C-alpha cells in the first residue's frame, strides 16, 4: 500500500490534486521511475484530479452555504433566515399623495372609488402604474367632488387556495416575488359563504389564543413568501374546504420614486356621469419605494432579530424588536438613562426617526409603549424622545481640468451633488454616526476624473420655529465646541464670514435682521444696511466651549420658509451624532461653485 506522506489536503485546486496523485504513485516502488507525463496514466490521473477538484469545490460550497456569514446564494441566506425566524423585507411600493377633483351630475352619488383603481405616471421613458389602496366614498353637497388619498405604485392581484381538512402544516405561497408584503390581506371564506373573514397578520406567538383569526408569513428557500395559519391551539385553524384568498400588490420597488404627474385610468363616478375634466393635484411626489432586502442586510439583521427572542433587555434588543415590528421606523437608537447628565437610572431612552412623518406622534408613542409592555425587564421604564437633527451646510469651490472632459460645468455640478447625496445615504441619516469632512472631500474629488481639487467649507445648523408676535426664549445645544473669532463690539460693521454663530434672516420690529455673535460670547440682532450690519439689540449668549446658545425675549414678526436657521462653525469639522442626534445634509444647503482650469 502506498504511503500517505505525499497527500496534500490543503491545496485543492486542479494542479495541486494532480500533483498529489502523482506523488502518491511515485511513493510506490513500482512507479518510482515511471514517466507519468508521456503515458496513458496521465489521462487517468487528470480524470481523477478533475473529479477530486469538483468534489472539493462542491463540498466547500455546500459547507459555506450552510452558514449565514459565508452564504452567497440568496436561496441559502433565505433558508438561514427562516431558521432564525427572521422575515426579510420585501420590495416596497413608492407612495404619493394626490387630490382628485371633478364635476359630475350626481345621479348615482355618493360615488365609490374602489380599491385597486389604477393611475399612470411616467418617469423619463418608463410608465408606471399606481393604485388606490382602499375603497373611498366620495360625497358632495353640490356637483363638485374631490378626495385626497395616498396612492401606491403597482397593481393588485390575488392567489386563491383551498384549505385541506386534516392536513397539518399547510402553507400557501404568494406566487409573485415582487410582492409588497405590507399590502397583503388574507381573507378566509368558510362554509361556502360569499362574505369572508379578514385575518390579521402577526409576527410572534405572544398574546394569541385559539380563536384569534391570524396568519403568519415565512420566507421560502427560493425567494417567495408563504402564508401559514394557526393550528387551533395558537391561532384559529380555518375549516376544511375553506377558500383562502391572498390579495396583494405587485411593485417595481425603488424605480418609481420621484413620480410627480399622475393621470386616472378609471372613471371616478363609475357610471359615466362626469361633466368636467378630472384634475389630479400632487400633494407629495412618489417616495419610499424600495427593493427587496439585500443579502448584506439580511446577514446583519437576522442574527440580531433572533438575539432579542421577543424580549427587550439590552439597548440593541429595543432597537431590533421595534424595527422588526414597526416598518415605519426608518432609524432608531436606544440608550440608557445613565448616559445622560445628570443620570436618569431605571430608564431607557428611545429615539426614532419615522418615514414620512415629522416628529414623533403621540399615537405612535402609545403603540410602541403598549408593544413593549410585556417585553421589557421589570423596573425599566421606556421613554420615547424625538430625534434632534444636526444639519451640515456644504459650501464648495470645485476646480476641474477642461482639457480632460467634454462635460459642461452644470454636468460637473450634478456629479458632485450626486456624490454628496450618496455620501449622505451611505454615512449619515442615522443615529450614532460620524460626519467626517475628509471623507466628504474624497467623495467630491472622486465624483469625476476631471476634478482637480476642491476648497470646501462646512457649517452645522439647527432649526427653530418661534411663535410669531410673542416673546420667546429658547436654548440650542449643538453639543460640540464652536470656533471663536475674537470679535469686535462695533455697533456698525461690514459683513463678516468668520462668525461662530449666524442666523438666517427674519423680520424683527418691522425690519429685516439677522443674529450673530460678537466674538466675546454675546448674541446680537443686527439690521442689514447695504453690505453692512447695524446692531439693534442684545438678544442672548453663546458658550463657545459647550456649543450652547441661549436666546431671550425674541419677538419675531415673520420669517421665510418653515424655520429660522442658526448656523455655527465647529472647531472640529468631524461631527459625532450621539444619543438622540441625527446628522444629515439637506439638498438646499449644498452650495457649489464650478471653476474650469486649463492644465
Protein backbone atom coordinates (compact mmCIF):
# COMPACT_ATOMS: atom_id res chain seq x y z
CA UNK A 1 0.00 0.00 0.00
CA UNK A 2 1.32 3.44 -0.90
CA UNK A 3 2.43 5.86 1.76
CA UNK A 4 0.21 8.81 2.64
CA UNK A 5 3.14 11.19 3.20
CA UNK A 6 2.67 12.99 -0.13
CA UNK A 7 -1.09 13.50 0.07
CA UNK A 8 -1.90 17.26 0.15
CA UNK A 9 -5.13 18.03 1.99
CA UNK A 10 -4.77 21.81 1.91
CA UNK A 11 -4.28 22.84 -1.74
CA UNK A 12 -7.35 21.60 -3.55
CA UNK A 13 -7.02 23.27 -6.95
CA UNK A 14 -6.75 21.03 -10.02
CA UNK A 15 -2.97 21.15 -10.44
CA UNK A 16 -2.33 20.51 -6.75
CA UNK A 17 -4.66 17.50 -6.74
CA UNK A 18 -2.98 16.13 -9.89
CA UNK A 19 0.49 16.61 -8.41
CA UNK A 20 -0.62 14.95 -5.18
CA UNK A 21 -1.87 11.88 -7.11
CA UNK A 22 1.44 11.60 -8.98
CA UNK A 23 3.48 11.92 -5.81
CA UNK A 24 1.36 9.27 -4.16
CA UNK A 25 2.06 6.85 -7.03
CA UNK A 26 5.77 7.69 -7.02
CA UNK A 27 5.91 6.63 -3.37
CA UNK A 28 5.11 3.14 -4.59
CA UNK A 29 8.34 1.37 -5.71
CA UNK A 30 6.54 0.01 -8.80
CA UNK A 31 6.09 3.54 -10.21
CA UNK A 32 9.23 5.20 -8.90
CA UNK A 33 10.78 5.63 -12.38
CA UNK A 34 7.51 5.80 -14.29
CA UNK A 35 7.10 8.62 -16.84
CA UNK A 36 3.66 9.98 -15.96
CA UNK A 37 3.68 12.85 -18.46
CA UNK A 38 4.06 10.77 -21.64
CA UNK A 39 1.80 7.86 -20.79
CA UNK A 40 -1.84 6.88 -20.78
CA UNK A 41 -1.66 7.00 -16.99
CA UNK A 42 -1.60 10.82 -17.29
CA UNK A 43 -5.16 10.83 -18.69
CA UNK A 44 -6.41 8.67 -15.84
CA UNK A 45 -4.69 10.92 -13.30
CA UNK A 46 -6.32 14.02 -14.89
CA UNK A 47 -9.73 12.40 -14.73
CA UNK A 48 -9.20 11.60 -11.05
CA UNK A 49 -7.94 15.16 -10.44
CA UNK A 50 -10.99 16.68 -12.18
CA UNK A 51 -13.31 14.53 -10.10
CA UNK A 52 -11.42 15.40 -6.93
CA UNK A 53 -11.45 19.11 -7.75
CA UNK A 54 -15.17 19.16 -8.48
CA UNK A 55 -15.95 17.19 -5.34
CA UNK A 56 -13.80 19.51 -3.21
CA UNK A 57 -15.39 22.61 -4.75
CA UNK A 58 -18.92 21.25 -4.29
CA UNK A 59 -18.36 20.25 -0.69
CA UNK A 60 -16.72 23.59 0.07
CA UNK A 61 -19.69 25.47 -1.39
CA UNK A 62 -22.20 23.27 0.44
CA UNK A 63 -20.44 23.95 3.71
CA UNK A 64 -20.21 27.69 3.01
CA UNK A 65 -23.91 27.90 2.11
CA UNK A 66 -24.80 26.17 5.39
CA UNK A 67 -23.76 29.23 7.41
CA UNK A 68 -25.27 32.70 7.24
CA UNK A 69 -21.94 34.54 7.30
CA UNK A 70 -20.40 32.67 4.37
CA UNK A 71 -23.50 32.05 2.22
CA UNK A 72 -23.52 33.90 -1.09
CA UNK A 73 -26.63 32.46 -2.74
CA UNK A 74 -29.89 34.28 -1.95
CA UNK A 75 -31.76 30.99 -1.51
CA UNK A 76 -29.25 29.85 1.11
CA UNK A 77 -29.48 33.13 3.03
CA UNK A 78 -33.28 32.95 2.95
CA UNK A 79 -33.16 29.42 4.37
CA UNK A 80 -30.91 30.54 7.18
CA UNK A 81 -33.26 33.49 7.89
CA UNK A 82 -36.17 31.08 8.17
CA UNK A 83 -34.28 29.06 10.76
CA UNK A 84 -33.76 32.28 12.76
CA UNK A 85 -37.45 33.23 12.43
CA UNK A 86 -36.47 36.37 10.53
CA UNK A 87 -38.71 37.69 7.74
CA UNK A 88 -36.64 39.54 5.11
CA UNK A 89 -38.17 42.76 3.83
CA UNK A 90 -39.98 42.57 0.54
CA UNK A 91 -39.97 45.22 -2.15
CA UNK A 92 -41.87 48.36 -1.11
CA UNK A 93 -44.17 50.37 -3.33
CA UNK A 94 -43.41 54.04 -3.87
CA UNK A 95 -46.10 56.16 -2.21
CA UNK A 96 -47.52 59.50 -3.36
CA UNK A 97 -50.42 61.64 -2.16
CA UNK A 98 -52.88 63.26 -4.54
CA UNK A 99 -56.10 65.28 -4.57
CA UNK A 100 -58.61 64.41 -7.27
CA UNK A 101 -61.25 66.97 -8.28
CA UNK A 102 -64.10 66.62 -10.78
CA UNK A 103 -67.64 67.68 -11.55
CA UNK A 104 -70.43 65.16 -12.10
CA UNK A 105 -74.18 65.03 -12.44
CA UNK A 106 -74.53 63.27 -9.08
CA UNK A 107 -77.26 60.90 -10.23
CA UNK A 108 -75.57 57.93 -8.53
CA UNK A 109 -73.73 59.87 -5.82
CA UNK A 110 -72.10 59.22 -3.44
CA UNK A 111 -69.54 57.62 -5.69
CA UNK A 112 -67.41 54.65 -4.71
CA UNK A 113 -63.78 54.65 -5.83
CA UNK A 114 -62.79 51.01 -5.46
CA UNK A 115 -59.58 49.63 -4.03
CA UNK A 116 -57.15 48.84 -6.82
CA UNK A 117 -58.34 51.63 -9.16
CA UNK A 118 -55.39 52.48 -11.38
CA UNK A 119 -53.45 55.62 -12.26
CA UNK A 120 -50.50 56.11 -14.61
CA UNK A 121 -47.28 58.07 -14.29
CA UNK A 122 -44.19 58.42 -16.46
CA UNK A 123 -40.57 58.92 -15.44
CA UNK A 124 -38.44 59.67 -18.48
CA UNK A 125 -39.46 56.97 -20.97
CA UNK A 126 -40.84 54.50 -18.43
CA UNK A 127 -44.51 54.25 -17.47
CA UNK A 128 -45.59 53.08 -14.01
CA UNK A 129 -48.95 52.02 -12.66
CA UNK A 130 -50.19 53.32 -9.32
CA UNK A 131 -53.25 52.10 -7.45
CA UNK A 132 -55.61 53.21 -4.70
CA UNK A 133 -55.12 51.05 -1.56
CA UNK A 134 -58.68 51.05 -0.16
CA UNK A 135 -62.26 51.91 -1.03
CA UNK A 136 -63.13 55.62 -0.95
CA UNK A 137 -66.63 57.09 -0.75
CA UNK A 138 -66.90 60.49 -2.43
CA UNK A 139 -69.83 62.71 -1.49
CA UNK A 140 -70.67 66.37 -2.06
CA UNK A 141 -73.42 68.88 -1.30
CA UNK A 142 -73.26 70.09 -4.92
CA UNK A 143 -71.96 68.73 -8.20
CA UNK A 144 -68.28 69.37 -7.38
CA UNK A 145 -66.44 66.39 -5.91
CA UNK A 146 -62.94 65.89 -4.56
CA UNK A 147 -61.00 63.44 -2.45
CA UNK A 148 -57.46 63.04 -1.14
CA UNK A 149 -55.70 59.71 -0.94
CA UNK A 150 -52.34 58.02 -0.84
CA UNK A 151 -51.56 56.01 -3.94
CA UNK A 152 -49.02 53.21 -4.23
CA UNK A 153 -47.00 52.06 -7.23
CA UNK A 154 -48.12 48.68 -8.52
CA UNK A 155 -51.36 46.81 -9.04
CA UNK A 156 -53.31 44.25 -7.03
CA UNK A 157 -53.54 40.53 -7.80
CA UNK A 158 -54.94 37.56 -5.89
CA UNK A 159 -53.93 33.95 -5.26
CA UNK A 160 -56.72 31.53 -4.34
CA UNK A 161 -56.29 28.23 -2.48
CA UNK A 162 -58.41 25.63 -0.69
CA UNK A 163 -57.68 24.70 2.90
CA UNK A 164 -57.47 20.89 3.00
CA UNK A 165 -59.08 19.33 6.05
CA UNK A 166 -56.82 17.14 8.18
CA UNK A 167 -53.56 18.29 6.57
CA UNK A 168 -51.05 19.60 9.09
CA UNK A 169 -48.66 22.46 8.41
CA UNK A 170 -50.32 23.74 5.25
CA UNK A 171 -48.65 26.70 3.59
CA UNK A 172 -49.97 28.94 0.83
CA UNK A 173 -47.42 30.56 -1.45
CA UNK A 174 -47.56 34.14 -2.67
CA UNK A 175 -46.84 33.44 -6.32
CA UNK A 176 -45.07 36.69 -7.24
CA UNK A 177 -41.62 37.62 -5.91
CA UNK A 178 -42.27 41.34 -6.44
CA UNK A 179 -44.95 41.44 -3.76
CA UNK A 180 -45.14 44.33 -1.29
CA UNK A 181 -45.80 42.32 1.87
CA UNK A 182 -47.25 45.37 3.64
CA UNK A 183 -50.15 45.33 1.16
CA UNK A 184 -51.09 41.68 1.80
CA UNK A 185 -54.61 40.89 3.00
CA UNK A 186 -55.80 37.36 3.75
CA UNK A 187 -59.50 36.52 3.58
CA UNK A 188 -60.99 33.12 4.52
CA UNK A 189 -64.39 32.04 3.13
CA UNK A 190 -65.91 29.19 5.13
CA UNK A 191 -68.99 27.04 4.55
CA UNK A 192 -69.49 28.47 1.07
CA UNK A 193 -70.14 31.99 2.39
CA UNK A 194 -69.75 34.91 -0.02
CA UNK A 195 -68.57 37.18 2.82
CA UNK A 196 -65.22 36.16 4.22
CA UNK A 197 -63.34 36.73 7.47
CA UNK A 198 -60.34 39.04 7.25
CA UNK A 199 -57.38 37.58 9.11
CA UNK A 200 -54.73 39.85 10.65
CA UNK A 201 -51.00 39.39 10.34
CA UNK A 202 -48.90 38.54 13.38
CA UNK A 203 -45.14 38.30 13.73
CA UNK A 204 -44.96 36.45 17.06
CA UNK A 205 -46.89 33.87 19.10
CA UNK A 206 -47.33 36.21 22.05
CA UNK A 207 -50.85 37.24 23.09
CA UNK A 208 -52.58 34.85 20.65
CA UNK A 209 -55.35 32.47 21.75
CA UNK A 210 -57.00 29.62 19.87
CA UNK A 211 -59.82 31.80 18.47
CA UNK A 212 -57.74 34.67 17.11
CA UNK A 213 -58.01 34.95 13.32
CA UNK A 214 -54.36 35.49 12.48
CA UNK A 215 -51.85 34.42 9.89
CA UNK A 216 -48.07 34.34 9.69
CA UNK A 217 -45.58 34.86 6.88
CA UNK A 218 -42.35 32.96 6.37
CA UNK A 219 -39.72 33.14 3.62
CA UNK A 220 -39.13 30.17 1.35
CA UNK A 221 -35.77 28.94 0.15
CA UNK A 222 -36.46 30.08 -3.40
CA UNK A 223 -37.24 33.74 -2.76
CA UNK A 224 -41.00 33.66 -2.29
CA UNK A 225 -43.20 34.04 0.81
CA UNK A 226 -45.61 31.54 2.37
CA UNK A 227 -48.73 32.24 4.42
CA UNK A 228 -49.49 29.98 7.41
CA UNK A 229 -52.45 29.83 9.80
CA UNK A 230 -52.80 28.80 13.43
CA UNK A 231 -53.12 25.18 14.49
CA UNK A 232 -56.18 25.59 16.71
CA UNK A 233 -54.09 25.96 19.86
CA UNK A 234 -52.27 29.15 18.91
CA UNK A 235 -54.42 30.96 16.39
CA UNK A 236 -57.62 29.73 14.76
CA UNK A 237 -57.39 26.93 12.18
CA UNK A 238 -59.65 27.56 9.15
CA UNK A 239 -62.33 24.94 8.47
CA UNK A 240 -61.73 22.25 5.90
CA UNK A 241 -62.54 23.16 2.29
CA UNK A 242 -62.39 26.85 3.13
CA UNK A 243 -61.35 29.18 0.31
CA UNK A 244 -58.19 31.19 1.05
CA UNK A 245 -57.71 34.43 -0.92
CA UNK A 246 -54.37 36.24 -0.77
CA UNK A 247 -54.65 39.77 -2.17
CA UNK A 248 -51.52 41.86 -2.58
CA UNK A 249 -49.78 44.49 -4.65
CA UNK A 250 -47.02 43.81 -7.18
CA UNK A 251 -44.40 46.57 -7.32
CA UNK A 252 -41.29 47.73 -9.12
CA UNK A 253 -39.71 48.85 -5.84
CA UNK A 254 -37.49 51.92 -5.95
CA UNK A 255 -37.87 52.52 -9.69
CA UNK A 256 -40.98 54.71 -9.35
CA UNK A 257 -39.53 57.10 -6.75
CA UNK A 258 -39.80 60.68 -7.97
CA UNK A 259 -43.01 60.33 -9.97
CA UNK A 260 -44.94 63.61 -9.77
CA UNK A 261 -47.51 63.54 -12.58
CA UNK A 262 -50.48 61.21 -12.46
CA UNK A 263 -53.49 60.56 -14.64
CA UNK A 264 -56.54 58.48 -13.78
CA UNK A 265 -57.14 55.30 -15.75
CA UNK A 266 -60.68 54.98 -14.40
CA UNK A 267 -63.91 56.93 -14.17
CA UNK A 268 -64.30 58.14 -10.54
CA UNK A 269 -68.10 58.13 -10.94
CA UNK A 270 -68.11 54.52 -12.19
CA UNK A 271 -71.21 55.46 -14.23
CA UNK A 272 -70.15 57.89 -16.96
CA UNK A 273 -71.55 60.91 -15.10
CA UNK A 274 -68.53 63.21 -15.44
CA UNK A 275 -69.34 66.74 -16.60
CA UNK A 276 -65.77 68.10 -16.44
CA UNK A 277 -62.18 67.02 -16.88
CA UNK A 278 -60.70 65.22 -13.88
CA UNK A 279 -57.94 67.24 -12.17
CA UNK A 280 -55.17 65.46 -10.25
CA UNK A 281 -53.14 67.68 -7.91
CA UNK A 282 -49.97 66.15 -6.48
CA UNK A 283 -49.61 66.89 -2.76
CA UNK A 284 -46.48 64.74 -2.43
CA UNK A 285 -44.42 63.06 -5.12
CA UNK A 286 -43.68 59.35 -5.02
CA UNK A 287 -41.21 58.39 -2.28
CA UNK A 288 -40.15 55.44 -0.12
CA UNK A 289 -40.13 52.83 -2.86
CA UNK A 290 -37.53 50.19 -2.05
CA UNK A 291 -36.19 46.97 -3.50
CA UNK A 292 -36.25 43.67 -1.65
CA UNK A 293 -33.81 43.34 1.24
CA UNK A 294 -30.24 42.77 0.19
CA UNK A 295 -28.11 39.81 1.24
CA UNK A 296 -25.87 42.06 3.34
CA UNK A 297 -28.86 43.47 5.19
CA UNK A 298 -30.32 40.02 5.87
CA UNK A 299 -26.99 38.77 7.18
CA UNK A 300 -26.80 41.74 9.53
CA UNK A 301 -30.41 41.83 10.74
CA UNK A 302 -31.33 38.15 11.07
CA UNK A 303 -28.96 37.25 13.96
CA UNK A 304 -29.90 40.41 15.84
CA UNK A 305 -33.59 39.72 15.42
CA UNK A 306 -33.09 36.19 16.73
CA UNK A 307 -30.99 37.50 19.61
CA UNK A 308 -33.89 39.50 21.07
CA UNK A 309 -36.11 36.39 21.48
CA UNK A 310 -39.13 38.71 21.72
CA UNK A 311 -37.82 40.49 24.81
CA UNK A 312 -36.02 43.76 25.35
CA UNK A 313 -33.10 43.72 27.79
CA UNK A 314 -30.18 45.48 26.12
CA UNK A 315 -30.44 48.64 24.04
CA UNK A 316 -29.78 46.51 20.94
CA UNK A 317 -32.87 44.46 21.81
CA UNK A 318 -35.05 47.57 21.90
CA UNK A 319 -33.77 48.69 18.53
CA UNK A 320 -34.12 45.29 16.85
CA UNK A 321 -37.53 44.37 18.22
CA UNK A 322 -39.14 47.73 17.46
CA UNK A 323 -37.63 47.97 13.99
CA UNK A 324 -38.82 44.47 13.04
CA UNK A 325 -42.41 45.04 14.22
CA UNK A 326 -42.93 48.62 13.04
CA UNK A 327 -41.82 49.07 9.43
CA UNK A 328 -42.39 52.85 9.51
CA UNK A 329 -39.29 53.21 11.71
CA UNK A 330 -36.53 54.42 9.41
CA UNK A 331 -33.85 54.83 12.09
CA UNK A 332 -33.79 54.06 15.82
CA UNK A 333 -31.37 54.45 18.71
CA UNK A 334 -31.80 53.32 22.32
CA UNK A 335 -29.54 54.32 25.22
CA UNK A 336 -29.59 54.07 28.99
CA UNK A 337 -30.50 56.92 31.29
CA UNK A 338 -27.09 56.53 32.93
CA UNK A 339 -25.58 58.13 29.80
CA UNK A 340 -27.38 61.42 30.48
CA UNK A 341 -26.13 64.35 32.51
CA UNK A 342 -27.44 64.16 35.19
CA UNK A 343 -28.02 60.37 35.03
CA UNK A 344 -31.59 59.03 34.99
CA UNK A 345 -31.32 55.48 36.28
CA UNK A 346 -34.04 52.91 35.61
CA UNK A 347 -34.94 54.35 32.24
CA UNK A 348 -34.11 53.50 28.66
CA UNK A 349 -34.43 56.34 26.17
CA UNK A 350 -35.55 55.51 22.64
CA UNK A 351 -35.40 57.92 19.73
CA UNK A 352 -36.98 57.04 16.40
CA UNK A 353 -36.97 58.67 13.01
CA UNK A 354 -40.18 57.77 11.17
CA UNK A 355 -40.57 57.61 7.41
CA UNK A 356 -42.73 60.43 6.02
CA UNK A 357 -43.67 61.69 9.50
CA UNK A 358 -42.44 64.87 11.15
CA UNK A 359 -41.57 64.38 14.79
CA UNK A 360 -42.94 61.53 16.90
CA UNK A 361 -46.76 61.50 17.10
CA UNK A 362 -48.28 60.58 20.45
CA UNK A 363 -50.29 57.80 18.79
CA UNK A 364 -47.03 56.14 17.77
CA UNK A 365 -45.55 56.55 21.24
CA UNK A 366 -48.56 54.85 22.81
CA UNK A 367 -48.42 51.99 20.28
CA UNK A 368 -44.71 51.43 20.95
CA UNK A 369 -45.18 51.50 24.73
CA UNK A 370 -48.06 49.04 24.54
CA UNK A 371 -45.97 46.73 22.41
CA UNK A 372 -43.03 46.87 24.85
CA UNK A 373 -45.14 46.48 27.99
CA UNK A 374 -44.83 42.67 28.21
CA UNK A 375 -41.36 42.51 26.69
CA UNK A 376 -39.27 44.74 28.93
CA UNK A 377 -37.40 44.00 32.13
CA UNK A 378 -39.33 44.75 35.32
CA UNK A 379 -38.43 48.16 36.73
CA UNK A 380 -37.15 49.62 33.45
CA UNK A 381 -39.26 52.46 32.02
CA UNK A 382 -39.01 53.14 28.27
CA UNK A 383 -39.04 56.85 27.42
CA UNK A 384 -39.51 57.97 23.82
CA UNK A 385 -37.82 61.17 22.71
CA UNK A 386 -37.91 62.95 19.38
CA UNK A 387 -34.72 62.91 17.30
CA UNK A 388 -32.57 66.03 17.44
CA UNK A 389 -31.31 66.91 13.97
CA UNK A 390 -27.94 68.45 13.27
CA UNK A 391 -27.64 69.61 9.68
CA UNK A 392 -24.48 70.14 7.66
CA UNK A 393 -24.13 73.09 5.27
CA UNK A 394 -21.63 72.41 2.47
CA UNK A 395 -20.07 75.30 0.54
CA UNK A 396 -17.53 74.13 -2.02
CA UNK A 397 -15.43 75.53 -4.84
CA UNK A 398 -14.80 72.78 -7.41
CA UNK A 399 -11.90 73.13 -9.85
CA UNK A 400 -11.72 70.83 -12.87
CA UNK A 401 -9.48 70.42 -15.92
CA UNK A 402 -11.36 71.49 -19.06
CA UNK A 403 -8.84 69.61 -21.23
CA UNK A 404 -9.78 66.17 -19.88
CA UNK A 405 -13.56 66.28 -20.22
CA UNK A 406 -16.34 67.34 -22.55
CA UNK A 407 -18.80 67.79 -19.71
CA UNK A 408 -20.31 71.18 -19.01
CA UNK A 409 -19.98 72.94 -15.66
CA UNK A 410 -23.61 72.05 -15.00
CA UNK A 411 -22.83 68.36 -15.52
CA UNK A 412 -19.86 68.58 -13.15
CA UNK A 413 -22.11 70.22 -10.58
CA UNK A 414 -24.63 67.40 -10.97
CA UNK A 415 -21.92 64.75 -10.47
CA UNK A 416 -20.72 66.46 -7.30
CA UNK A 417 -24.22 66.87 -5.88
CA UNK A 418 -24.95 63.22 -6.54
CA UNK A 419 -21.70 62.24 -4.80
CA UNK A 420 -22.65 64.33 -1.75
CA UNK A 421 -26.11 62.74 -1.71
CA UNK A 422 -24.57 59.29 -1.93
CA UNK A 423 -22.20 60.12 0.93
CA UNK A 424 -25.25 61.20 2.94
CA UNK A 425 -27.09 57.94 2.20
CA UNK A 426 -24.05 55.78 2.99
CA UNK A 427 -22.78 57.55 6.09
CA UNK A 428 -25.42 59.85 7.61
CA UNK A 429 -29.22 59.99 8.08
CA UNK A 430 -28.97 57.82 11.16
CA UNK A 431 -28.16 57.79 14.85
CA UNK A 432 -24.72 57.03 16.25
CA UNK A 433 -22.82 58.05 13.10
CA UNK A 434 -19.88 60.37 12.43
CA UNK A 435 -19.67 63.04 9.77
CA UNK A 436 -16.06 63.18 8.59
CA UNK A 437 -15.22 66.17 6.43
CA UNK A 438 -12.21 64.42 4.88
CA UNK A 439 -14.41 61.54 3.65
CA UNK A 440 -16.85 64.02 2.13
CA UNK A 441 -13.98 65.78 0.32
CA UNK A 442 -12.80 62.45 -1.08
CA UNK A 443 -16.31 61.76 -2.37
CA UNK A 444 -16.39 65.16 -4.06
CA UNK A 445 -12.97 64.80 -5.71
CA UNK A 446 -13.69 61.24 -6.85
CA UNK A 447 -17.08 62.12 -8.34
CA UNK A 448 -15.47 62.89 -11.72
CA UNK A 449 -11.94 62.22 -13.08
CA UNK A 450 -11.71 65.79 -14.40
CA UNK A 451 -11.94 67.33 -10.91
CA UNK A 452 -8.55 68.64 -9.79
CA UNK A 453 -9.29 69.96 -6.32
CA UNK A 454 -11.94 71.32 -4.01
CA UNK A 455 -11.98 74.08 -1.42
CA UNK A 456 -14.81 73.14 0.91
CA UNK A 457 -16.21 74.83 4.00
CA UNK A 458 -18.72 73.07 6.27
CA UNK A 459 -21.03 74.54 8.91
CA UNK A 460 -23.56 72.96 11.21
CA UNK A 461 -27.01 74.37 11.78
CA UNK A 462 -30.27 73.73 13.60
CA UNK A 463 -33.81 74.95 13.01
CA UNK A 464 -36.30 76.67 15.29
CA UNK A 465 -39.94 77.58 14.73
CA UNK A 466 -40.65 80.53 17.05
CA UNK A 467 -44.23 81.70 17.55
CA UNK A 468 -44.91 84.96 15.75
CA UNK A 469 -45.58 88.16 17.67
CA UNK A 470 -44.78 86.61 21.04
CA UNK A 471 -41.74 86.92 23.31
CA UNK A 472 -39.87 83.65 23.04
CA UNK A 473 -36.93 82.15 24.98
CA UNK A 474 -35.08 79.12 23.70
CA UNK A 475 -31.82 77.19 24.00
CA UNK A 476 -29.98 75.39 21.20
CA UNK A 477 -27.35 72.83 22.15
CA UNK A 478 -25.00 71.97 19.29
CA UNK A 479 -23.12 69.55 21.53
CA UNK A 480 -19.68 70.47 20.15
CA UNK A 481 -17.15 73.27 20.86
CA UNK A 482 -17.52 76.18 18.47
CA UNK A 483 -14.96 78.20 16.56
CA UNK A 484 -14.31 81.52 18.26
CA UNK A 485 -13.05 84.55 16.42
CA UNK A 486 -12.19 87.24 18.94
CA UNK A 487 -14.59 89.86 17.72
CA UNK A 488 -15.42 93.45 17.89
CA UNK A 489 -18.05 95.37 19.77
CA UNK A 490 -18.73 97.83 16.98
CA UNK A 491 -22.40 98.53 16.55
CA UNK A 492 -21.89 99.00 12.81
CA UNK A 493 -19.59 96.74 10.82
CA UNK A 494 -19.17 95.23 7.34
CA UNK A 495 -20.49 91.78 6.56
CA UNK A 496 -18.31 89.05 8.11
CA UNK A 497 -17.93 85.38 7.18
CA UNK A 498 -15.76 84.38 10.16
CA UNK A 499 -18.55 84.32 12.73
CA UNK A 500 -19.17 81.48 15.16
CA UNK A 501 -22.94 81.96 15.12
CA UNK A 502 -25.17 83.42 12.42
CA UNK A 503 -28.88 83.05 11.72
CA UNK A 504 -30.94 83.20 8.57
CA UNK A 505 -32.81 86.45 8.08
CA UNK A 506 -36.22 87.23 9.57
CA UNK A 507 -38.33 90.28 10.38
CA UNK A 508 -37.99 91.91 13.80
CA UNK A 509 -39.56 95.27 14.68
CA UNK A 510 -40.63 95.50 11.02
CA UNK A 511 -37.01 95.27 9.79
CA UNK A 512 -35.08 92.52 8.05
CA UNK A 513 -32.50 91.28 10.57
CA UNK A 514 -30.09 88.52 11.45
CA UNK A 515 -28.48 87.25 14.64
CA UNK A 516 -24.71 86.83 15.04
CA UNK A 517 -22.16 86.60 17.85
CA UNK A 518 -19.65 89.34 18.61
CA UNK A 519 -16.72 87.01 19.24
CA UNK A 520 -16.87 87.50 23.01
CA UNK A 521 -19.96 85.39 23.77
CA UNK A 522 -22.79 87.87 23.16
CA UNK A 523 -25.55 87.39 20.61
CA UNK A 524 -26.91 90.47 18.89
CA UNK A 525 -29.67 91.35 16.46
CA UNK A 526 -28.44 93.38 13.51
CA UNK A 527 -30.34 95.09 10.72
CA UNK A 528 -29.00 94.99 7.18
CA UNK A 529 -27.66 98.28 5.83
CA UNK A 530 -26.45 97.63 2.28
CA UNK A 531 -23.42 95.38 2.63
CA UNK A 532 -23.02 96.09 6.35
CA UNK A 533 -24.82 95.29 9.60
CA UNK A 534 -26.02 97.63 12.33
CA UNK A 535 -26.79 96.46 15.86
CA UNK A 536 -30.33 96.81 17.18
CA UNK A 537 -30.42 94.77 20.41
CA UNK A 538 -28.56 92.25 22.53
CA UNK A 539 -30.55 89.02 22.44
CA UNK A 540 -28.59 86.26 24.19
CA UNK A 541 -25.30 84.46 24.76
CA UNK A 542 -23.17 81.71 23.26
CA UNK A 543 -20.82 79.37 25.14
CA UNK A 544 -18.07 78.51 22.66
CA UNK A 545 -16.77 75.59 24.73
CA UNK A 546 -20.07 73.73 25.12
CA UNK A 547 -21.81 74.83 21.93
CA UNK A 548 -24.88 76.08 23.80
CA UNK A 549 -26.62 79.28 22.69
CA UNK A 550 -29.35 80.97 24.73
CA UNK A 551 -31.77 83.49 23.29
CA UNK A 552 -34.10 85.56 25.48
CA UNK A 553 -37.11 87.70 24.66
CA UNK A 554 -37.03 87.25 20.91
CA UNK A 555 -40.20 88.56 19.26
CA UNK A 556 -40.33 87.54 15.60
CA UNK A 557 -42.68 89.33 13.20
CA UNK A 558 -42.28 86.80 10.36
CA UNK A 559 -39.76 84.66 8.52
CA UNK A 560 -39.44 83.00 5.14
CA UNK A 561 -39.79 79.24 4.85
CA UNK A 562 -40.62 76.80 7.61
CA UNK A 563 -37.99 77.78 10.17
CA UNK A 564 -35.20 80.13 11.22
CA UNK A 565 -31.79 78.50 10.86
CA UNK A 566 -28.91 79.03 13.28
CA UNK A 567 -25.51 78.30 11.71
CA UNK A 568 -22.39 77.58 13.74
CA UNK A 569 -18.77 76.90 12.84
CA UNK A 570 -17.46 73.89 14.85
CA UNK A 571 -13.84 73.78 15.99
CA UNK A 572 -13.57 70.16 14.83
CA UNK A 573 -15.09 69.55 11.38
CA UNK A 574 -15.86 65.91 12.29
CA UNK A 575 -19.30 65.76 13.92
CA UNK A 576 -20.36 62.81 16.11
CA UNK A 577 -24.09 62.01 16.41
CA UNK A 578 -24.67 60.84 19.99
CA UNK A 579 -27.77 59.88 21.99
CA UNK A 580 -30.85 61.11 20.07
CA UNK A 581 -28.93 63.12 17.46
CA UNK A 582 -29.13 62.53 13.71
CA UNK A 583 -26.65 64.15 11.33
CA UNK A 584 -27.71 64.83 7.75
CA UNK A 585 -27.18 67.10 4.74
CA UNK A 586 -30.08 68.89 3.06
CA UNK A 587 -30.04 69.48 -0.69
CA UNK A 588 -30.84 73.19 -0.37
CA UNK A 589 -27.72 73.73 1.75
CA UNK A 590 -25.32 72.33 -0.84
CA UNK A 591 -23.71 75.42 -2.40
CA UNK A 592 -21.35 74.64 -5.28
CA UNK A 593 -19.19 76.90 -7.44
CA UNK A 594 -17.58 75.27 -10.51
CA UNK A 595 -14.34 76.67 -11.94
CA UNK A 596 -12.77 75.30 -15.12
CA UNK A 597 -8.97 75.40 -15.48
CA UNK A 598 -6.71 74.59 -18.41
CA UNK A 599 -3.85 72.30 -17.38
